[in-house]
Each structure stands twice: as C-alpha cells, then as structure tokens.
Amino acid sequence: MTDTTNLTTAEGLAAMEAELAALEGEGRREIAARIRTAREWGDLKENSEYHEAKNEQAHLETKIARLRERISGAVVVEEGAEGAGEVVGFGSTVVVRDETGAQQTWRIVSSHDASPREGRLSAESPVALALLGRAPGEQAAVTLPKGKRTLTVVSVS
C-alpha cells in the first residue's frame, strides 16, 4: 500500500502554489495595511482592531508555513500511474456501482485535494482504501457510518 500522506497530482500542487502566492502577496499586504491603520488610531494597549489584526497576521503566517511544508514534501504522482487504467490507483478516475445499481464516479486524490461533492475522493478515505488495487469487475466491501456497502468497479481510467 502506498503512503498517501504527501501524494498530490500536478493540479493539486499548482493549486497549493497559487494559494501560497496569494497568501504571501495580497494576504500579507491586506493585514499590513490593517495593522498600519489600527496603529494610527492611538494607544495600542486598548486598540482591539490592532490586536485582532496582529492575531490574524499570526494565523496567516502559520497557514503560510504549513502550506510551504506541504509543498516541499509533496510527491507529484501522474494520474493513473499506479496501474494506468488496469486497477484503481492514486490519480485514477473510477466508476463504481453499489448494490442498488446506483453509479458514482470518483477521482482518487490526496486528502488535501479531496472534495467528495466535486467527485474527488481522498486516497485515505475508507471507500478509496477499499477500492485501491481493484480492477474492473471486482467488488469491494466498505463499512461506512450508515452501514456496510458493496461496490463493484465498473471502469478505471
């Protein structure tokens, strides 16, 4: 089983880099302007706007540091590299059918890129873990909060 902690797609890495650029640029400029404005209002001891802006600055810098760490440790995996359409792997797009006949399509991505509503499923999720390594036609049983489900892999790309 592949360690999915730092895996990402090229698209996911680009999104993280864009977010970092926005935070380091516009985000820092906005907070610096708020701090400057609040300083002009006088006594800093009782200036709630100043303290709020300084707290937001600390949160922003923490977010920037965490994002830099994620980017530096990211391992970019080409879509479908683990089986290239033969089996479900990181970056694969998989179509599954449940026992009721309902079909769903998911792309297996890192937890950072996951958005089930948009069809991106974390490789660390119970459903993805059950599907990884499965070929079309194979079944996977997965236990979810609402009970056990059996999923059949329809296709992998």
C-alpha atoms as a PDB file:
ATOM      1  CA  MET A   1       0.000   0.000   0.000  1.00  0.00           C
ATOM      2  CA  THR A   2       1.353   3.408  -0.978  1.00  0.00           C
ATOM      3  CA  ASP A   3       1.737   6.063   1.734  1.00  0.00           C
ATOM      4  CA  THR A   4      -0.697   8.741   0.552  1.00  0.00           C
ATOM      5  CA  THR A   5       0.201  11.390   3.120  1.00  0.00           C
ATOM      6  CA  ASN A   6       2.226  13.655   0.773  1.00  0.00           C
ATOM      7  CA  LEU A   7       0.970  12.478  -2.601  1.00  0.00           C
ATOM      8  CA  THR A   8      -0.680  15.009  -4.876  1.00  0.00           C
ATOM      9  CA  THR A   9      -1.482  15.492  -8.503  1.00  0.00           C
ATOM     10  CA  ALA A  10       0.216  18.164 -10.616  1.00  0.00           C
ATOM     11  CA  GLU A  11      -3.097  20.042 -10.490  1.00  0.00           C
ATOM     12  CA  GLY A  12      -3.146  19.822  -6.679  1.00  0.00           C
ATOM     13  CA  LEU A  13       0.429  21.107  -6.418  1.00  0.00           C
ATOM     14  CA  ALA A  14      -0.372  24.019  -8.728  1.00  0.00           C
ATOM     15  CA  ALA A  15      -3.391  24.913  -6.579  1.00  0.00           C
ATOM     16  CA  MET A  16      -1.269  24.868  -3.401  1.00  0.00           C
ATOM     17  CA  GLU A  17       1.386  27.049  -5.061  1.00  0.00           C
ATOM     18  CA  ALA A  18      -1.284  29.536  -6.228  1.00  0.00           C
ATOM     19  CA  GLU A  19      -2.775  29.684  -2.735  1.00  0.00           C
ATOM     20  CA  LEU A  20       0.687  30.272  -1.240  1.00  0.00           C
ATOM     21  CA  ALA A  21       1.397  33.092  -3.703  1.00  0.00           C
ATOM     22  CA  ALA A  22      -1.931  34.745  -2.839  1.00  0.00           C
ATOM     23  CA  LEU A  23      -1.320  34.472   0.904  1.00  0.00           C
ATOM     24  CA  GLU A  24       2.252  35.750   0.662  1.00  0.00           C
ATOM     25  CA  GLY A  25       1.254  38.599  -1.637  1.00  0.00           C
ATOM     26  CA  GLU A  26      -2.219  40.030  -1.236  1.00  0.00           C
ATOM     27  CA  GLY A  27      -2.885  38.368   2.143  1.00  0.00           C
ATOM     28  CA  ARG A  28       0.182  39.886   3.766  1.00  0.00           C
ATOM     29  CA  ARG A  29      -0.455  43.289   2.151  1.00  0.00           C
ATOM     30  CA  GLU A  30      -4.034  43.399   3.456  1.00  0.00           C
ATOM     31  CA  ILE A  31      -3.027  42.576   7.024  1.00  0.00           C
ATOM     32  CA  ALA A  32      -0.105  45.015   6.952  1.00  0.00           C
ATOM     33  CA  ALA A  33      -2.492  47.763   5.847  1.00  0.00           C
ATOM     34  CA  ARG A  34      -4.929  46.891   8.650  1.00  0.00           C
ATOM     35  CA  ILE A  35      -2.119  46.991  11.222  1.00  0.00           C
ATOM     36  CA  ARG A  36      -0.901  50.381   9.898  1.00  0.00           C
ATOM     37  CA  THR A  37      -4.413  51.816  10.044  1.00  0.00           C
ATOM     38  CA  ALA A  38      -5.045  50.472  13.560  1.00  0.00           C
ATOM     39  CA  ARG A  39      -1.710  51.931  14.787  1.00  0.00           C
ATOM     40  CA  GLU A  40      -2.823  55.352  13.635  1.00  0.00           C
ATOM     41  CA  TRP A  41      -5.836  55.132  15.965  1.00  0.00           C
ATOM     42  CA  GLY A  42      -3.672  55.635  19.020  1.00  0.00           C
ATOM     43  CA  ASP A  43      -2.989  53.680  22.215  1.00  0.00           C
ATOM     44  CA  LEU A  44      -2.124  50.105  21.229  1.00  0.00           C
ATOM     45  CA  LYS A  45      -2.903  48.650  24.684  1.00  0.00           C
ATOM     46  CA  GLU A  46      -6.635  49.189  24.276  1.00  0.00           C
ATOM     47  CA  ASN A  47      -6.824  49.076  20.482  1.00  0.00           C
ATOM     48  CA  SER A  48      -8.869  45.933  19.706  1.00  0.00           C
ATOM     49  CA  GLU A  49      -8.545  46.437  15.935  1.00  0.00           C
ATOM     50  CA  TYR A  50      -4.744  46.367  16.259  1.00  0.00           C
ATOM     51  CA  HIS A  51      -4.755  43.201  18.390  1.00  0.00           C
ATOM     52  CA  GLU A  52      -7.238  41.495  16.068  1.00  0.00           C
ATOM     53  CA  ALA A  53      -5.076  42.334  13.037  1.00  0.00           C
ATOM     54  CA  LYS A  54      -1.941  41.057  14.808  1.00  0.00           C
ATOM     55  CA  ASN A  55      -3.746  37.782  15.654  1.00  0.00           C
ATOM     56  CA  GLU A  56      -4.854  37.415  12.040  1.00  0.00           C
ATOM     57  CA  GLN A  57      -1.267  38.062  10.967  1.00  0.00           C
ATOM     58  CA  ALA A  58      -0.071  35.223  13.214  1.00  0.00           C
ATOM     59  CA  HIS A  59      -2.729  32.892  11.780  1.00  0.00           C
ATOM     60  CA  LEU A  60      -1.761  33.876   8.236  1.00  0.00           C
ATOM     61  CA  GLU A  61       1.933  33.188   8.882  1.00  0.00           C
ATOM     62  CA  THR A  62       1.074  29.802  10.401  1.00  0.00           C
ATOM     63  CA  LYS A  63      -1.024  28.947   7.352  1.00  0.00           C
ATOM     64  CA  ILE A  64       1.816  30.031   5.041  1.00  0.00           C
ATOM     65  CA  ALA A  65       4.334  27.896   6.957  1.00  0.00           C
ATOM     66  CA  ARG A  66       2.068  24.829   6.813  1.00  0.00           C
ATOM     67  CA  LEU A  67       1.430  25.324   3.114  1.00  0.00           C
ATOM     68  CA  ARG A  68       5.159  25.683   2.406  1.00  0.00           C
ATOM     69  CA  GLU A  69       5.758  22.448   4.331  1.00  0.00           C
ATOM     70  CA  ARG A  70       3.066  20.624   2.332  1.00  0.00           C
ATOM     71  CA  ILE A  71       4.521  21.897  -0.944  1.00  0.00           C
ATOM     72  CA  SER A  72       8.109  20.995  -0.036  1.00  0.00           C
ATOM     73  CA  GLY A  73       7.091  17.463   0.970  1.00  0.00           C
ATOM     74  CA  ALA A  74       4.670  16.920  -1.919  1.00  0.00           C
ATOM     75  CA  VAL A  75       5.217  13.937  -4.155  1.00  0.00           C
ATOM     76  CA  VAL A  76       3.575  14.537  -7.524  1.00  0.00           C
ATOM     77  CA  VAL A  77       2.027  11.413  -8.952  1.00  0.00           C
ATOM     78  CA  GLU A  78       0.917  11.251 -12.551  1.00  0.00           C
ATOM     79  CA  GLU A  79      -2.747  10.454 -12.941  1.00  0.00           C
ATOM     80  CA  GLY A  80      -3.335   6.739 -13.105  1.00  0.00           C
ATOM     81  CA  ALA A  81       0.386   5.974 -12.694  1.00  0.00           C
ATOM     82  CA  GLU A  82      -0.407   3.047 -10.379  1.00  0.00           C
ATOM     83  CA  GLY A  83      -1.957   0.668 -12.884  1.00  0.00           C
ATOM     84  CA  ALA A  84      -2.812   3.022 -15.753  1.00  0.00           C
ATOM     85  CA  GLY A  85      -6.444   2.013 -16.233  1.00  0.00           C
ATOM     86  CA  GLU A  86      -5.981  -1.581 -15.149  1.00  0.00           C
ATOM     87  CA  VAL A  87      -6.512  -1.118 -11.418  1.00  0.00           C
ATOM     88  CA  VAL A  88      -7.645   1.701  -9.142  1.00  0.00           C
ATOM     89  CA  GLY A  89      -4.678   3.783  -8.008  1.00  0.00           C
ATOM     90  CA  PHE A  90      -3.811   7.276  -6.898  1.00  0.00           C
ATOM     91  CA  GLY A  91      -4.974   9.732  -9.554  1.00  0.00           C
ATOM     92  CA  SER A  92      -7.338   7.204 -11.161  1.00  0.00           C
ATOM     93  CA  THR A  93     -10.859   8.068 -12.106  1.00  0.00           C
ATOM     94  CA  VAL A  94     -13.049   5.147 -11.078  1.00  0.00           C
ATOM     95  CA  VAL A  95     -16.702   4.424 -11.813  1.00  0.00           C
ATOM     96  CA  VAL A  96     -18.380   2.186  -9.232  1.00  0.00           C
ATOM     97  CA  ARG A  97     -21.841   0.713  -8.849  1.00  0.00           C
ATOM     98  CA  ASP A  98     -23.337  -0.107  -5.463  1.00  0.00           C
ATOM     99  CA  GLU A  99     -25.758  -2.917  -4.620  1.00  0.00           C
ATOM    100  CA  THR A 100     -28.754  -0.718  -5.536  1.00  0.00           C
ATOM    101  CA  GLY A 101     -27.399  -0.179  -9.052  1.00  0.00           C
ATOM    102  CA  ALA A 102     -26.503   3.480  -8.451  1.00  0.00           C
ATOM    103  CA  GLN A 103     -23.269   4.556 -10.140  1.00  0.00           C
ATOM    104  CA  GLN A 104     -20.764   7.095  -8.897  1.00  0.00           C
ATOM    105  CA  THR A 105     -17.575   8.458 -10.412  1.00  0.00           C
ATOM    106  CA  TRP A 106     -14.636   9.474  -8.236  1.00  0.00           C
ATOM    107  CA  ARG A 107     -11.102  10.594  -8.839  1.00  0.00           C
ATOM    108  CA  ILE A 108      -8.690   9.298  -6.178  1.00  0.00           C
ATOM    109  CA  VAL A 109      -6.642  12.252  -4.872  1.00  0.00           C
ATOM    110  CA  SER A 110      -4.712  13.323  -1.774  1.00  0.00           C
ATOM    111  CA  SER A 111      -6.595  14.327   1.349  1.00  0.00           C
ATOM    112  CA  HIS A 112      -5.571  17.945   0.622  1.00  0.00           C
ATOM    113  CA  ASP A 113      -7.235  17.863  -2.800  1.00  0.00           C
ATOM    114  CA  ALA A 114     -10.326  15.892  -1.735  1.00  0.00           C
ATOM    115  CA  SER A 115     -13.837  17.212  -2.313  1.00  0.00           C
ATOM    116  CA  PRO A 116     -16.383  14.382  -2.490  1.00  0.00           C
ATOM    117  CA  ARG A 117     -19.122  16.734  -3.728  1.00  0.00           C
ATOM    118  CA  GLU A 118     -16.910  17.537  -6.707  1.00  0.00           C
ATOM    119  CA  GLY A 119     -16.042  13.872  -7.307  1.00  0.00           C
ATOM    120  CA  ARG A 120     -12.569  13.968  -5.712  1.00  0.00           C
ATOM    121  CA  LEU A 121     -12.151  11.257  -3.090  1.00  0.00           C
ATOM    122  CA  SER A 122      -9.282  11.182  -0.584  1.00  0.00           C
ATOM    123  CA  ALA A 123      -6.988   8.181  -1.056  1.00  0.00           C
ATOM    124  CA  GLU A 124      -7.096   7.871   2.745  1.00  0.00           C
ATOM    125  CA  SER A 125     -10.892   7.527   2.901  1.00  0.00           C
ATOM    126  CA  PRO A 126     -12.489   4.160   3.685  1.00  0.00           C
ATOM    127  CA  VAL A 127     -14.052   3.958   0.216  1.00  0.00           C
ATOM    128  CA  ALA A 128     -10.788   4.708  -1.613  1.00  0.00           C
ATOM    129  CA  LEU A 129      -8.823   2.323   0.595  1.00  0.00           C
ATOM    130  CA  ALA A 130     -11.319  -0.428  -0.251  1.00  0.00           C
ATOM    131  CA  LEU A 131     -11.056   0.343  -3.984  1.00  0.00           C
ATOM    132  CA  LEU A 132      -7.269   0.755  -4.356  1.00  0.00           C
ATOM    133  CA  GLY A 133      -5.756  -2.095  -6.348  1.00  0.00           C
ATOM    134  CA  ARG A 134      -9.133  -3.344  -7.647  1.00  0.00           C
ATOM    135  CA  ALA A 135      -9.707  -3.972 -11.353  1.00  0.00           C
ATOM    136  CA  PRO A 136     -12.947  -3.506 -13.317  1.00  0.00           C
ATOM    137  CA  GLY A 137     -15.452  -6.186 -12.351  1.00  0.00           C
ATOM    138  CA  GLU A 138     -14.027  -6.665  -8.855  1.00  0.00           C
ATOM    139  CA  GLN A 139     -16.017  -5.900  -5.736  1.00  0.00           C
ATOM    140  CA  ALA A 140     -15.002  -4.079  -2.582  1.00  0.00           C
ATOM    141  CA  ALA A 141     -16.820  -4.156   0.740  1.00  0.00           C
ATOM    142  CA  VAL A 142     -16.613  -0.966   2.760  1.00  0.00           C
ATOM    143  CA  THR A 143     -18.033  -0.122   6.174  1.00  0.00           C
ATOM    144  CA  LEU A 144     -19.395   3.408   6.428  1.00  0.00           C
ATOM    145  CA  PRO A 145     -21.247   5.216   9.215  1.00  0.00           C
ATOM    146  CA  LYS A 146     -24.554   4.322   7.526  1.00  0.00           C
ATOM    147  CA  GLY A 147     -23.612   0.640   7.256  1.00  0.00           C
ATOM    148  CA  LYS A 148     -21.764  -1.762   5.023  1.00  0.00           C
ATOM    149  CA  ARG A 149     -21.787  -1.271   1.238  1.00  0.00           C
ATOM    150  CA  THR A 150     -20.545  -3.424  -1.594  1.00  0.00           C
ATOM    151  CA  LEU A 151     -19.091  -1.513  -4.521  1.00  0.00           C
ATOM    152  CA  THR A 152     -18.327  -3.013  -7.927  1.00  0.00           C
ATOM    153  CA  VAL A 153     -15.639  -1.351 -10.029  1.00  0.00           C
ATOM    154  CA  VAL A 154     -17.193  -0.584 -13.422  1.00  0.00           C
ATOM    155  CA  SER A 155     -14.229   1.162 -15.039  1.00  0.00           C
ATOM    156  CA  VAL A 156     -10.863   2.728 -14.243  1.00  0.00           C
ATOM    157  CA  SER A 157      -9.116   5.448 -16.224  1.00  0.00           C
END
